[in-house]
Amino acid sequence: MTTPTALHPDQARARLHELTVIDVRTPGEYADGHLPGALNIPLDRLGRALPDLRDAAERGEILLVCASGARSENACRTLAEHGVQAATLVGGTGAWAAGGGDLERPAGNTGATWGMERQVRLTAGSVVLLGLALGEFAHPAFRLLSAGIAGGLVFSAVTDTCGMAAVLGKLPHNRPRAADLTATLARLRGN
């Protein structure tokens, strides 16, 4: 098994021309802005892309990117388990942009899809408010809904995972169309 590595934004910027950059965020997040030349292969699609990623790693280094670095670290571990060496961008696209790095956006991007962190905050906050309101006006047991979300957020912070993000990632606006992933894999192959 290989060991994942990490590159800071300034290191990645200096080597961007020699790296194959894979953005593991959802298609909506990717469309909101990504590193120049990055290809979008969502985290939950890495298994399908594994043969192409293995071939790409044999041709040169792979840099995995997400919003903050957590999902790309997870992707590095997954690839390492399959013998594929990859690096993660420390701090993700947030750190890249904060350090003055340019972000590409597809032509015609309306910014209609929110980033996953924003989607999680909206969903968690809405469910907490719903639990409190139902607990006040329907039955006190509904407050357990709010407590469950609070517990889930604590678990998420401790484990650096997010079950709610995994569920939200399955929504249609967060899923790549099959043709998009096929085209991305063709670009990864150099076709």
N, C-alpha and C. Protein backbone atom coordinates (compact mmCIF):
# COMPACT_ATOMS: atom_id res chain seq x y z
N MET A 1 0.85 -1.18 0.00
CA MET A 1 0.00 0.00 0.00
C MET A 1 0.89 1.24 0.00
N THR A 2 0.53 2.23 -0.82
CA THR A 2 1.30 3.46 -0.88
C THR A 2 0.78 4.44 0.16
N THR A 3 1.57 5.45 0.46
CA THR A 3 1.20 6.43 1.46
C THR A 3 0.75 7.72 0.79
N PRO A 4 -0.44 8.24 1.14
CA PRO A 4 -0.89 9.50 0.54
C PRO A 4 0.03 10.65 0.94
N THR A 5 0.17 11.61 0.05
CA THR A 5 0.96 12.80 0.32
C THR A 5 0.06 14.01 0.18
N ALA A 6 0.59 15.15 0.56
CA ALA A 6 -0.18 16.39 0.48
C ALA A 6 0.68 17.49 -0.12
N LEU A 7 0.04 18.35 -0.90
CA LEU A 7 0.70 19.52 -1.46
C LEU A 7 -0.02 20.76 -0.96
N HIS A 8 0.74 21.76 -0.56
CA HIS A 8 0.15 23.05 -0.21
C HIS A 8 -0.17 23.80 -1.50
N PRO A 9 -1.11 24.73 -1.46
CA PRO A 9 -1.50 25.44 -2.69
C PRO A 9 -0.33 26.04 -3.47
N ASP A 10 0.66 26.63 -2.79
CA ASP A 10 1.78 27.22 -3.52
C ASP A 10 2.62 26.15 -4.21
N GLN A 11 2.77 24.98 -3.58
CA GLN A 11 3.48 23.86 -4.21
C GLN A 11 2.71 23.36 -5.42
N ALA A 12 1.41 23.22 -5.26
CA ALA A 12 0.58 22.74 -6.38
C ALA A 12 0.58 23.74 -7.54
N ARG A 13 0.53 25.03 -7.21
CA ARG A 13 0.51 26.06 -8.25
C ARG A 13 1.78 25.98 -9.10
N ALA A 14 2.92 25.77 -8.45
CA ALA A 14 4.19 25.69 -9.17
C ALA A 14 4.28 24.45 -10.05
N ARG A 15 3.54 23.40 -9.71
CA ARG A 15 3.62 22.14 -10.44
C ARG A 15 2.36 21.79 -11.20
N LEU A 16 1.40 22.71 -11.27
CA LEU A 16 0.10 22.41 -11.84
C LEU A 16 0.20 21.84 -13.26
N HIS A 17 1.14 22.35 -14.05
CA HIS A 17 1.29 21.91 -15.44
C HIS A 17 1.70 20.44 -15.56
N GLU A 18 2.26 19.87 -14.51
CA GLU A 18 2.72 18.48 -14.58
C GLU A 18 1.83 17.51 -13.81
N LEU A 19 0.78 18.01 -13.21
CA LEU A 19 -0.12 17.17 -12.40
C LEU A 19 -1.41 16.87 -13.15
N THR A 20 -1.96 15.69 -12.90
CA THR A 20 -3.32 15.38 -13.33
C THR A 20 -4.20 15.70 -12.14
N VAL A 21 -5.04 16.73 -12.28
CA VAL A 21 -5.86 17.20 -11.17
C VAL A 21 -7.25 16.59 -11.27
N ILE A 22 -7.65 15.92 -10.20
CA ILE A 22 -8.96 15.28 -10.12
C ILE A 22 -9.73 15.94 -8.99
N ASP A 23 -10.87 16.52 -9.31
CA ASP A 23 -11.75 17.16 -8.33
C ASP A 23 -12.80 16.14 -7.92
N VAL A 24 -12.84 15.77 -6.63
CA VAL A 24 -13.73 14.71 -6.16
C VAL A 24 -15.04 15.25 -5.58
N ARG A 25 -15.32 16.53 -5.79
CA ARG A 25 -16.57 17.11 -5.30
C ARG A 25 -17.72 16.73 -6.24
N THR A 26 -18.92 17.12 -5.83
CA THR A 26 -20.08 16.86 -6.67
C THR A 26 -20.01 17.72 -7.93
N PRO A 27 -20.71 17.34 -8.99
CA PRO A 27 -20.70 18.14 -10.21
C PRO A 27 -21.13 19.59 -9.98
N GLY A 28 -22.10 19.81 -9.11
CA GLY A 28 -22.54 21.18 -8.83
C GLY A 28 -21.45 22.01 -8.19
N GLU A 29 -20.73 21.41 -7.23
CA GLU A 29 -19.63 22.12 -6.59
C GLU A 29 -18.50 22.39 -7.58
N TYR A 30 -18.22 21.40 -8.41
CA TYR A 30 -17.18 21.53 -9.44
C TYR A 30 -17.51 22.68 -10.39
N ALA A 31 -18.77 22.77 -10.79
CA ALA A 31 -19.19 23.82 -11.72
C ALA A 31 -19.10 25.20 -11.09
N ASP A 32 -19.16 25.26 -9.78
CA ASP A 32 -19.08 26.55 -9.09
C ASP A 32 -17.66 27.13 -9.11
N GLY A 33 -16.68 26.32 -9.45
CA GLY A 33 -15.30 26.78 -9.56
C GLY A 33 -14.33 25.69 -9.19
N HIS A 34 -13.37 25.42 -10.08
CA HIS A 34 -12.41 24.36 -9.86
C HIS A 34 -11.02 24.79 -10.34
N LEU A 35 -10.00 24.07 -9.92
CA LEU A 35 -8.65 24.36 -10.35
C LEU A 35 -8.55 24.26 -11.87
N PRO A 36 -7.72 25.08 -12.48
CA PRO A 36 -7.56 25.02 -13.94
C PRO A 36 -7.18 23.62 -14.41
N GLY A 37 -7.93 23.12 -15.37
CA GLY A 37 -7.66 21.81 -15.96
C GLY A 37 -8.13 20.62 -15.15
N ALA A 38 -8.77 20.86 -14.02
CA ALA A 38 -9.22 19.75 -13.17
C ALA A 38 -10.33 18.96 -13.86
N LEU A 39 -10.30 17.65 -13.65
CA LEU A 39 -11.35 16.75 -14.13
C LEU A 39 -12.23 16.39 -12.94
N ASN A 40 -13.53 16.27 -13.18
CA ASN A 40 -14.47 15.98 -12.09
C ASN A 40 -14.81 14.50 -12.05
N ILE A 41 -14.35 13.83 -10.99
CA ILE A 41 -14.74 12.44 -10.70
C ILE A 41 -15.18 12.44 -9.25
N PRO A 42 -16.51 12.52 -9.01
CA PRO A 42 -17.00 12.57 -7.63
C PRO A 42 -16.49 11.39 -6.79
N LEU A 43 -16.32 11.65 -5.51
CA LEU A 43 -15.76 10.65 -4.59
C LEU A 43 -16.47 9.31 -4.70
N ASP A 44 -17.79 9.33 -4.82
CA ASP A 44 -18.51 8.06 -4.86
C ASP A 44 -18.39 7.35 -6.22
N ARG A 45 -17.70 7.94 -7.18
CA ARG A 45 -17.48 7.32 -8.48
C ARG A 45 -16.03 6.87 -8.69
N LEU A 46 -15.20 6.99 -7.67
CA LEU A 46 -13.79 6.60 -7.81
C LEU A 46 -13.65 5.13 -8.21
N GLY A 47 -14.50 4.28 -7.68
CA GLY A 47 -14.42 2.86 -8.02
C GLY A 47 -14.54 2.62 -9.51
N ARG A 48 -15.47 3.31 -10.15
CA ARG A 48 -15.66 3.15 -11.60
C ARG A 48 -14.44 3.69 -12.36
N ALA A 49 -13.81 4.72 -11.82
CA ALA A 49 -12.69 5.37 -12.51
C ALA A 49 -11.34 4.76 -12.16
N LEU A 50 -11.31 3.78 -11.24
CA LEU A 50 -10.05 3.25 -10.75
C LEU A 50 -9.09 2.79 -11.85
N PRO A 51 -9.52 2.02 -12.84
CA PRO A 51 -8.55 1.61 -13.88
C PRO A 51 -7.93 2.81 -14.61
N ASP A 52 -8.74 3.81 -14.91
CA ASP A 52 -8.22 4.99 -15.60
C ASP A 52 -7.32 5.82 -14.70
N LEU A 53 -7.65 5.89 -13.42
CA LEU A 53 -6.81 6.61 -12.47
C LEU A 53 -5.47 5.89 -12.29
N ARG A 54 -5.51 4.57 -12.27
CA ARG A 54 -4.26 3.80 -12.16
C ARG A 54 -3.36 4.08 -13.37
N ASP A 55 -3.95 4.09 -14.56
CA ASP A 55 -3.17 4.39 -15.77
C ASP A 55 -2.62 5.81 -15.73
N ALA A 56 -3.43 6.76 -15.29
CA ALA A 56 -2.99 8.15 -15.20
C ALA A 56 -1.84 8.29 -14.21
N ALA A 57 -1.89 7.56 -13.10
CA ALA A 57 -0.84 7.62 -12.09
C ALA A 57 0.47 7.05 -12.62
N GLU A 58 0.39 6.11 -13.55
CA GLU A 58 1.60 5.56 -14.16
C GLU A 58 2.24 6.56 -15.11
N ARG A 59 1.43 7.47 -15.67
CA ARG A 59 1.94 8.49 -16.60
C ARG A 59 2.48 9.72 -15.86
N GLY A 60 2.00 9.98 -14.65
CA GLY A 60 2.42 11.16 -13.90
C GLY A 60 1.68 11.24 -12.59
N GLU A 61 1.95 12.30 -11.84
CA GLU A 61 1.36 12.43 -10.51
C GLU A 61 -0.08 12.92 -10.58
N ILE A 62 -0.88 12.42 -9.63
CA ILE A 62 -2.29 12.81 -9.51
C ILE A 62 -2.44 13.68 -8.27
N LEU A 63 -3.16 14.78 -8.42
CA LEU A 63 -3.51 15.65 -7.31
C LEU A 63 -5.02 15.60 -7.15
N LEU A 64 -5.48 15.19 -5.96
CA LEU A 64 -6.91 15.13 -5.67
C LEU A 64 -7.32 16.39 -4.91
N VAL A 65 -8.48 16.93 -5.29
CA VAL A 65 -8.93 18.21 -4.76
C VAL A 65 -10.40 18.11 -4.37
N CYS A 66 -10.76 18.78 -3.27
CA CYS A 66 -12.16 18.95 -2.89
C CYS A 66 -12.31 20.37 -2.34
N ALA A 67 -13.34 20.62 -1.58
CA ALA A 67 -13.57 21.97 -1.06
C ALA A 67 -12.58 22.34 0.04
N SER A 68 -12.35 21.42 0.99
CA SER A 68 -11.52 21.75 2.16
C SER A 68 -10.33 20.82 2.35
N GLY A 69 -10.31 19.72 1.65
CA GLY A 69 -9.25 18.74 1.79
C GLY A 69 -9.68 17.43 2.42
N ALA A 70 -10.84 17.41 3.10
CA ALA A 70 -11.27 16.19 3.79
C ALA A 70 -11.65 15.08 2.80
N ARG A 71 -12.48 15.40 1.80
CA ARG A 71 -12.88 14.36 0.85
C ARG A 71 -11.70 13.90 -0.01
N SER A 72 -10.80 14.82 -0.36
CA SER A 72 -9.65 14.42 -1.17
C SER A 72 -8.70 13.54 -0.35
N GLU A 73 -8.58 13.77 0.95
CA GLU A 73 -7.78 12.88 1.80
C GLU A 73 -8.40 11.49 1.82
N ASN A 74 -9.72 11.43 1.91
CA ASN A 74 -10.43 10.16 1.88
C ASN A 74 -10.18 9.46 0.54
N ALA A 75 -10.24 10.23 -0.54
CA ALA A 75 -9.99 9.66 -1.87
C ALA A 75 -8.56 9.15 -1.98
N CYS A 76 -7.60 9.87 -1.41
CA CYS A 76 -6.20 9.41 -1.41
C CYS A 76 -6.06 8.07 -0.71
N ARG A 77 -6.73 7.93 0.42
CA ARG A 77 -6.68 6.66 1.16
C ARG A 77 -7.30 5.54 0.33
N THR A 78 -8.43 5.83 -0.31
CA THR A 78 -9.08 4.82 -1.15
C THR A 78 -8.17 4.38 -2.28
N LEU A 79 -7.57 5.34 -2.96
CA LEU A 79 -6.67 5.00 -4.06
C LEU A 79 -5.44 4.26 -3.55
N ALA A 80 -4.90 4.67 -2.41
CA ALA A 80 -3.73 4.00 -1.83
C ALA A 80 -4.03 2.54 -1.53
N GLU A 81 -5.25 2.26 -1.08
CA GLU A 81 -5.65 0.87 -0.82
C GLU A 81 -5.62 0.02 -2.08
N HIS A 82 -5.71 0.68 -3.24
CA HIS A 82 -5.67 -0.02 -4.52
C HIS A 82 -4.33 0.17 -5.22
N GLY A 83 -3.33 0.63 -4.47
CA GLY A 83 -1.99 0.75 -5.03
C GLY A 83 -1.77 1.95 -5.92
N VAL A 84 -2.64 2.95 -5.84
CA VAL A 84 -2.51 4.14 -6.68
C VAL A 84 -2.04 5.30 -5.81
N GLN A 85 -0.87 5.85 -6.14
CA GLN A 85 -0.31 6.99 -5.40
C GLN A 85 -0.98 8.27 -5.88
N ALA A 86 -1.41 9.09 -4.93
CA ALA A 86 -2.01 10.39 -5.24
C ALA A 86 -1.71 11.34 -4.09
N ALA A 87 -1.76 12.62 -4.37
CA ALA A 87 -1.58 13.65 -3.35
C ALA A 87 -2.89 14.40 -3.19
N THR A 88 -3.05 15.04 -2.05
CA THR A 88 -4.22 15.86 -1.80
C THR A 88 -3.78 17.32 -1.71
N LEU A 89 -4.67 18.23 -2.06
CA LEU A 89 -4.40 19.65 -1.94
C LEU A 89 -4.81 20.09 -0.54
N VAL A 90 -3.84 20.52 0.26
CA VAL A 90 -4.10 20.95 1.63
C VAL A 90 -5.04 22.16 1.60
N GLY A 91 -6.17 22.04 2.28
CA GLY A 91 -7.13 23.15 2.35
C GLY A 91 -8.07 23.22 1.17
N GLY A 92 -7.89 22.38 0.17
CA GLY A 92 -8.80 22.30 -0.97
C GLY A 92 -8.90 23.58 -1.80
N THR A 93 -9.99 23.67 -2.54
CA THR A 93 -10.18 24.83 -3.41
C THR A 93 -10.32 26.12 -2.61
N GLY A 94 -10.79 26.01 -1.37
CA GLY A 94 -10.89 27.19 -0.52
C GLY A 94 -9.52 27.81 -0.29
N ALA A 95 -8.54 26.97 0.08
CA ALA A 95 -7.18 27.47 0.30
C ALA A 95 -6.54 27.93 -1.00
N TRP A 96 -6.84 27.22 -2.08
CA TRP A 96 -6.31 27.60 -3.40
C TRP A 96 -6.77 29.01 -3.76
N ALA A 97 -8.05 29.26 -3.65
CA ALA A 97 -8.60 30.58 -4.00
C ALA A 97 -8.11 31.65 -3.02
N ALA A 98 -8.05 31.31 -1.73
CA ALA A 98 -7.59 32.28 -0.73
C ALA A 98 -6.14 32.67 -0.98
N GLY A 99 -5.36 31.77 -1.56
CA GLY A 99 -3.96 32.05 -1.86
C GLY A 99 -3.77 32.73 -3.20
N GLY A 100 -4.86 33.15 -3.83
CA GLY A 100 -4.76 33.86 -5.10
C GLY A 100 -4.84 32.98 -6.33
N GLY A 101 -5.12 31.69 -6.15
CA GLY A 101 -5.23 30.80 -7.30
C GLY A 101 -6.50 31.03 -8.08
N ASP A 102 -6.40 30.92 -9.39
CA ASP A 102 -7.57 31.10 -10.26
C ASP A 102 -8.46 29.86 -10.19
N LEU A 103 -9.76 30.09 -10.35
CA LEU A 103 -10.73 29.00 -10.45
C LEU A 103 -11.40 29.11 -11.80
N GLU A 104 -11.52 27.97 -12.48
CA GLU A 104 -12.26 27.92 -13.75
C GLU A 104 -13.71 27.65 -13.46
N ARG A 105 -14.58 28.26 -14.26
CA ARG A 105 -16.01 28.01 -14.17
C ARG A 105 -16.52 27.76 -15.59
N PRO A 106 -17.34 26.74 -15.76
CA PRO A 106 -17.87 26.47 -17.10
C PRO A 106 -18.67 27.66 -17.62
N ALA A 107 -18.62 27.85 -18.92
CA ALA A 107 -19.40 28.92 -19.54
C ALA A 107 -20.87 28.68 -19.25
N GLY A 108 -21.57 29.75 -18.91
CA GLY A 108 -23.00 29.64 -18.63
C GLY A 108 -23.33 29.14 -17.25
N ASN A 109 -22.31 28.98 -16.37
CA ASN A 109 -22.58 28.53 -15.01
C ASN A 109 -23.40 29.59 -14.29
N THR A 110 -24.54 29.19 -13.77
CA THR A 110 -25.42 30.13 -13.09
C THR A 110 -25.16 30.17 -11.59
N GLY A 111 -24.33 29.25 -11.08
CA GLY A 111 -24.10 29.19 -9.65
C GLY A 111 -25.33 28.72 -8.89
N ALA A 112 -26.24 28.01 -9.59
CA ALA A 112 -27.50 27.59 -8.98
C ALA A 112 -27.31 26.48 -7.95
N THR A 113 -26.26 25.67 -8.07
CA THR A 113 -26.03 24.59 -7.13
C THR A 113 -25.10 25.07 -6.03
N TRP A 114 -25.53 24.90 -4.81
CA TRP A 114 -24.72 25.30 -3.67
C TRP A 114 -23.64 24.27 -3.39
N GLY A 115 -22.58 24.71 -2.74
CA GLY A 115 -21.54 23.79 -2.29
C GLY A 115 -22.12 22.83 -1.26
N MET A 116 -21.47 21.68 -1.10
CA MET A 116 -21.99 20.65 -0.20
C MET A 116 -22.07 21.14 1.24
N GLU A 117 -21.07 21.88 1.69
CA GLU A 117 -21.10 22.38 3.07
C GLU A 117 -22.33 23.26 3.29
N ARG A 118 -22.63 24.10 2.32
CA ARG A 118 -23.81 24.97 2.44
C ARG A 118 -25.10 24.15 2.43
N GLN A 119 -25.15 23.12 1.58
CA GLN A 119 -26.33 22.25 1.54
C GLN A 119 -26.52 21.54 2.88
N VAL A 120 -25.42 21.09 3.49
CA VAL A 120 -25.51 20.40 4.79
C VAL A 120 -26.00 21.38 5.85
N ARG A 121 -25.45 22.60 5.86
CA ARG A 121 -25.88 23.58 6.88
C ARG A 121 -27.36 23.89 6.75
N LEU A 122 -27.84 24.06 5.50
CA LEU A 122 -29.27 24.34 5.30
C LEU A 122 -30.12 23.17 5.77
N THR A 123 -29.76 21.97 5.38
CA THR A 123 -30.55 20.79 5.75
C THR A 123 -30.53 20.57 7.25
N ALA A 124 -29.35 20.62 7.87
CA ALA A 124 -29.26 20.40 9.31
C ALA A 124 -30.05 21.46 10.07
N GLY A 125 -29.87 22.71 9.70
CA GLY A 125 -30.60 23.79 10.37
C GLY A 125 -32.10 23.66 10.21
N SER A 126 -32.54 23.29 9.02
CA SER A 126 -33.98 23.13 8.77
C SER A 126 -34.57 22.00 9.60
N VAL A 127 -33.86 20.88 9.68
CA VAL A 127 -34.36 19.74 10.45
C VAL A 127 -34.38 20.07 11.95
N VAL A 128 -33.36 20.78 12.43
CA VAL A 128 -33.35 21.19 13.84
C VAL A 128 -34.55 22.09 14.14
N LEU A 129 -34.77 23.09 13.29
CA LEU A 129 -35.92 23.99 13.49
C LEU A 129 -37.24 23.23 13.42
N LEU A 130 -37.34 22.30 12.47
CA LEU A 130 -38.56 21.51 12.35
C LEU A 130 -38.79 20.68 13.62
N GLY A 131 -37.73 20.05 14.12
CA GLY A 131 -37.86 19.25 15.34
C GLY A 131 -38.29 20.09 16.53
N LEU A 132 -37.72 21.29 16.64
CA LEU A 132 -38.10 22.17 17.75
C LEU A 132 -39.54 22.65 17.62
N ALA A 133 -39.94 23.02 16.41
CA ALA A 133 -41.32 23.49 16.19
C ALA A 133 -42.33 22.38 16.46
N LEU A 134 -42.06 21.19 15.91
CA LEU A 134 -42.97 20.07 16.14
C LEU A 134 -42.98 19.67 17.61
N GLY A 135 -41.83 19.79 18.28
CA GLY A 135 -41.76 19.49 19.71
C GLY A 135 -42.59 20.46 20.53
N GLU A 136 -42.67 21.68 20.08
CA GLU A 136 -43.43 22.70 20.80
C GLU A 136 -44.93 22.59 20.53
N PHE A 137 -45.29 22.35 19.27
CA PHE A 137 -46.70 22.43 18.88
C PHE A 137 -47.39 21.08 18.66
N ALA A 138 -46.63 20.00 18.45
CA ALA A 138 -47.25 18.70 18.21
C ALA A 138 -47.03 17.74 19.39
N HIS A 139 -45.77 17.37 19.61
CA HIS A 139 -45.46 16.44 20.69
C HIS A 139 -44.00 16.64 21.08
N PRO A 140 -43.72 16.68 22.38
CA PRO A 140 -42.34 16.92 22.83
C PRO A 140 -41.31 15.93 22.30
N ALA A 141 -41.75 14.74 21.95
CA ALA A 141 -40.81 13.73 21.45
C ALA A 141 -40.14 14.16 20.14
N PHE A 142 -40.74 15.07 19.39
CA PHE A 142 -40.14 15.54 18.15
C PHE A 142 -38.83 16.28 18.38
N ARG A 143 -38.59 16.73 19.62
CA ARG A 143 -37.32 17.39 19.93
C ARG A 143 -36.14 16.43 19.77
N LEU A 144 -36.43 15.13 19.83
CA LEU A 144 -35.37 14.14 19.62
C LEU A 144 -34.79 14.24 18.21
N LEU A 145 -35.59 14.72 17.27
CA LEU A 145 -35.10 14.94 15.91
C LEU A 145 -33.96 15.94 15.93
N SER A 146 -34.15 17.03 16.66
CA SER A 146 -33.10 18.05 16.78
C SER A 146 -31.87 17.48 17.50
N ALA A 147 -32.11 16.71 18.54
CA ALA A 147 -31.01 16.10 19.27
C ALA A 147 -30.23 15.12 18.37
N GLY A 148 -30.94 14.40 17.53
CA GLY A 148 -30.29 13.47 16.60
C GLY A 148 -29.38 14.19 15.62
N ILE A 149 -29.85 15.32 15.11
CA ILE A 149 -29.02 16.11 14.19
C ILE A 149 -27.80 16.64 14.93
N ALA A 150 -27.98 17.13 16.14
CA ALA A 150 -26.85 17.63 16.93
C ALA A 150 -25.82 16.52 17.16
N GLY A 151 -26.29 15.35 17.51
CA GLY A 151 -25.39 14.21 17.69
C GLY A 151 -24.66 13.85 16.41
N GLY A 152 -25.38 13.90 15.30
CA GLY A 152 -24.77 13.62 14.00
C GLY A 152 -23.69 14.63 13.65
N LEU A 153 -23.92 15.90 13.97
CA LEU A 153 -22.92 16.93 13.71
C LEU A 153 -21.67 16.73 14.56
N VAL A 154 -21.86 16.35 15.81
CA VAL A 154 -20.71 16.08 16.69
C VAL A 154 -19.93 14.88 16.14
N PHE A 155 -20.63 13.82 15.79
CA PHE A 155 -19.98 12.63 15.21
C PHE A 155 -19.22 13.00 13.94
N SER A 156 -19.85 13.83 13.11
CA SER A 156 -19.23 14.27 11.86
C SER A 156 -17.92 15.01 12.13
N ALA A 157 -17.92 15.88 13.13
CA ALA A 157 -16.71 16.64 13.45
C ALA A 157 -15.61 15.73 14.00
N VAL A 158 -15.98 14.79 14.86
CA VAL A 158 -15.00 13.91 15.49
C VAL A 158 -14.37 12.96 14.47
N THR A 159 -15.18 12.43 13.56
CA THR A 159 -14.69 11.44 12.59
C THR A 159 -14.25 12.05 11.27
N ASP A 160 -14.51 13.34 11.08
CA ASP A 160 -14.20 14.03 9.82
C ASP A 160 -14.88 13.35 8.63
N THR A 161 -16.11 12.90 8.88
CA THR A 161 -16.96 12.33 7.83
C THR A 161 -18.29 13.06 7.91
N CYS A 162 -19.13 12.87 6.93
CA CYS A 162 -20.44 13.51 6.99
C CYS A 162 -21.47 12.64 6.28
N GLY A 163 -22.27 11.95 7.07
CA GLY A 163 -23.32 11.12 6.52
C GLY A 163 -24.36 11.93 5.77
N MET A 164 -24.67 13.13 6.28
CA MET A 164 -25.66 13.97 5.61
C MET A 164 -25.16 14.39 4.23
N ALA A 165 -23.86 14.69 4.11
CA ALA A 165 -23.30 15.05 2.81
C ALA A 165 -23.37 13.86 1.86
N ALA A 166 -23.15 12.66 2.39
CA ALA A 166 -23.24 11.47 1.55
C ALA A 166 -24.65 11.29 1.00
N VAL A 167 -25.65 11.53 1.86
CA VAL A 167 -27.04 11.42 1.42
C VAL A 167 -27.38 12.53 0.43
N LEU A 168 -26.99 13.76 0.75
CA LEU A 168 -27.28 14.88 -0.16
C LEU A 168 -26.56 14.72 -1.49
N GLY A 169 -25.41 14.07 -1.49
CA GLY A 169 -24.68 13.83 -2.72
C GLY A 169 -25.42 12.92 -3.69
N LYS A 170 -26.42 12.21 -3.20
CA LYS A 170 -27.22 11.32 -4.06
C LYS A 170 -28.35 12.06 -4.77
N LEU A 171 -28.62 13.31 -4.38
CA LEU A 171 -29.69 14.07 -5.03
C LEU A 171 -29.33 14.34 -6.49
N PRO A 172 -30.33 14.43 -7.36
CA PRO A 172 -30.06 14.56 -8.80
C PRO A 172 -29.15 15.73 -9.17
N HIS A 173 -29.29 16.88 -8.51
CA HIS A 173 -28.46 18.02 -8.90
C HIS A 173 -27.01 17.86 -8.46
N ASN A 174 -26.72 16.89 -7.61
CA ASN A 174 -25.36 16.63 -7.17
C ASN A 174 -24.72 15.44 -7.88
N ARG A 175 -25.44 14.82 -8.78
CA ARG A 175 -24.96 13.61 -9.45
C ARG A 175 -24.50 13.93 -10.87
N PRO A 176 -23.39 13.32 -11.28
CA PRO A 176 -22.98 13.52 -12.68
C PRO A 176 -23.88 12.71 -13.59
N ARG A 177 -24.14 13.25 -14.74
CA ARG A 177 -24.83 12.45 -15.75
C ARG A 177 -23.83 11.42 -16.25
N ALA A 178 -24.32 10.25 -16.63
CA ALA A 178 -23.43 9.17 -17.08
C ALA A 178 -22.54 9.64 -18.23
N ALA A 179 -23.11 10.44 -19.14
CA ALA A 179 -22.33 10.93 -20.27
C ALA A 179 -21.19 11.84 -19.81
N ASP A 180 -21.42 12.63 -18.76
CA ASP A 180 -20.38 13.52 -18.24
C ASP A 180 -19.21 12.71 -17.67
N LEU A 181 -19.50 11.68 -16.89
CA LEU A 181 -18.44 10.87 -16.32
C LEU A 181 -17.70 10.11 -17.41
N THR A 182 -18.41 9.61 -18.40
CA THR A 182 -17.77 8.91 -19.52
C THR A 182 -16.83 9.85 -20.26
N ALA A 183 -17.28 11.08 -20.50
CA ALA A 183 -16.43 12.06 -21.19
C ALA A 183 -15.21 12.41 -20.34
N THR A 184 -15.40 12.54 -19.02
CA THR A 184 -14.28 12.84 -18.13
C THR A 184 -13.25 11.73 -18.17
N LEU A 185 -13.72 10.48 -18.13
CA LEU A 185 -12.79 9.35 -18.16
C LEU A 185 -12.06 9.28 -19.51
N ALA A 186 -12.73 9.64 -20.59
CA ALA A 186 -12.07 9.69 -21.90
C ALA A 186 -10.97 10.76 -21.90
N ARG A 187 -11.26 11.92 -21.30
CA ARG A 187 -10.23 12.98 -21.19
C ARG A 187 -9.07 12.51 -20.33
N LEU A 188 -9.35 11.77 -19.27
CA LEU A 188 -8.31 11.25 -18.39
C LEU A 188 -7.41 10.29 -19.15
N ARG A 189 -8.01 9.51 -20.03
CA ARG A 189 -7.22 8.57 -20.86
C ARG A 189 -6.42 9.28 -21.93
N GLY A 190 -6.77 10.55 -22.18
CA GLY A 190 -6.07 11.31 -23.22
C GLY A 190 -6.72 11.14 -24.59
N ASN A 191 -7.94 10.63 -24.62
CA ASN A 191 -8.67 10.44 -25.90
C ASN A 191 -9.35 11.71 -26.34
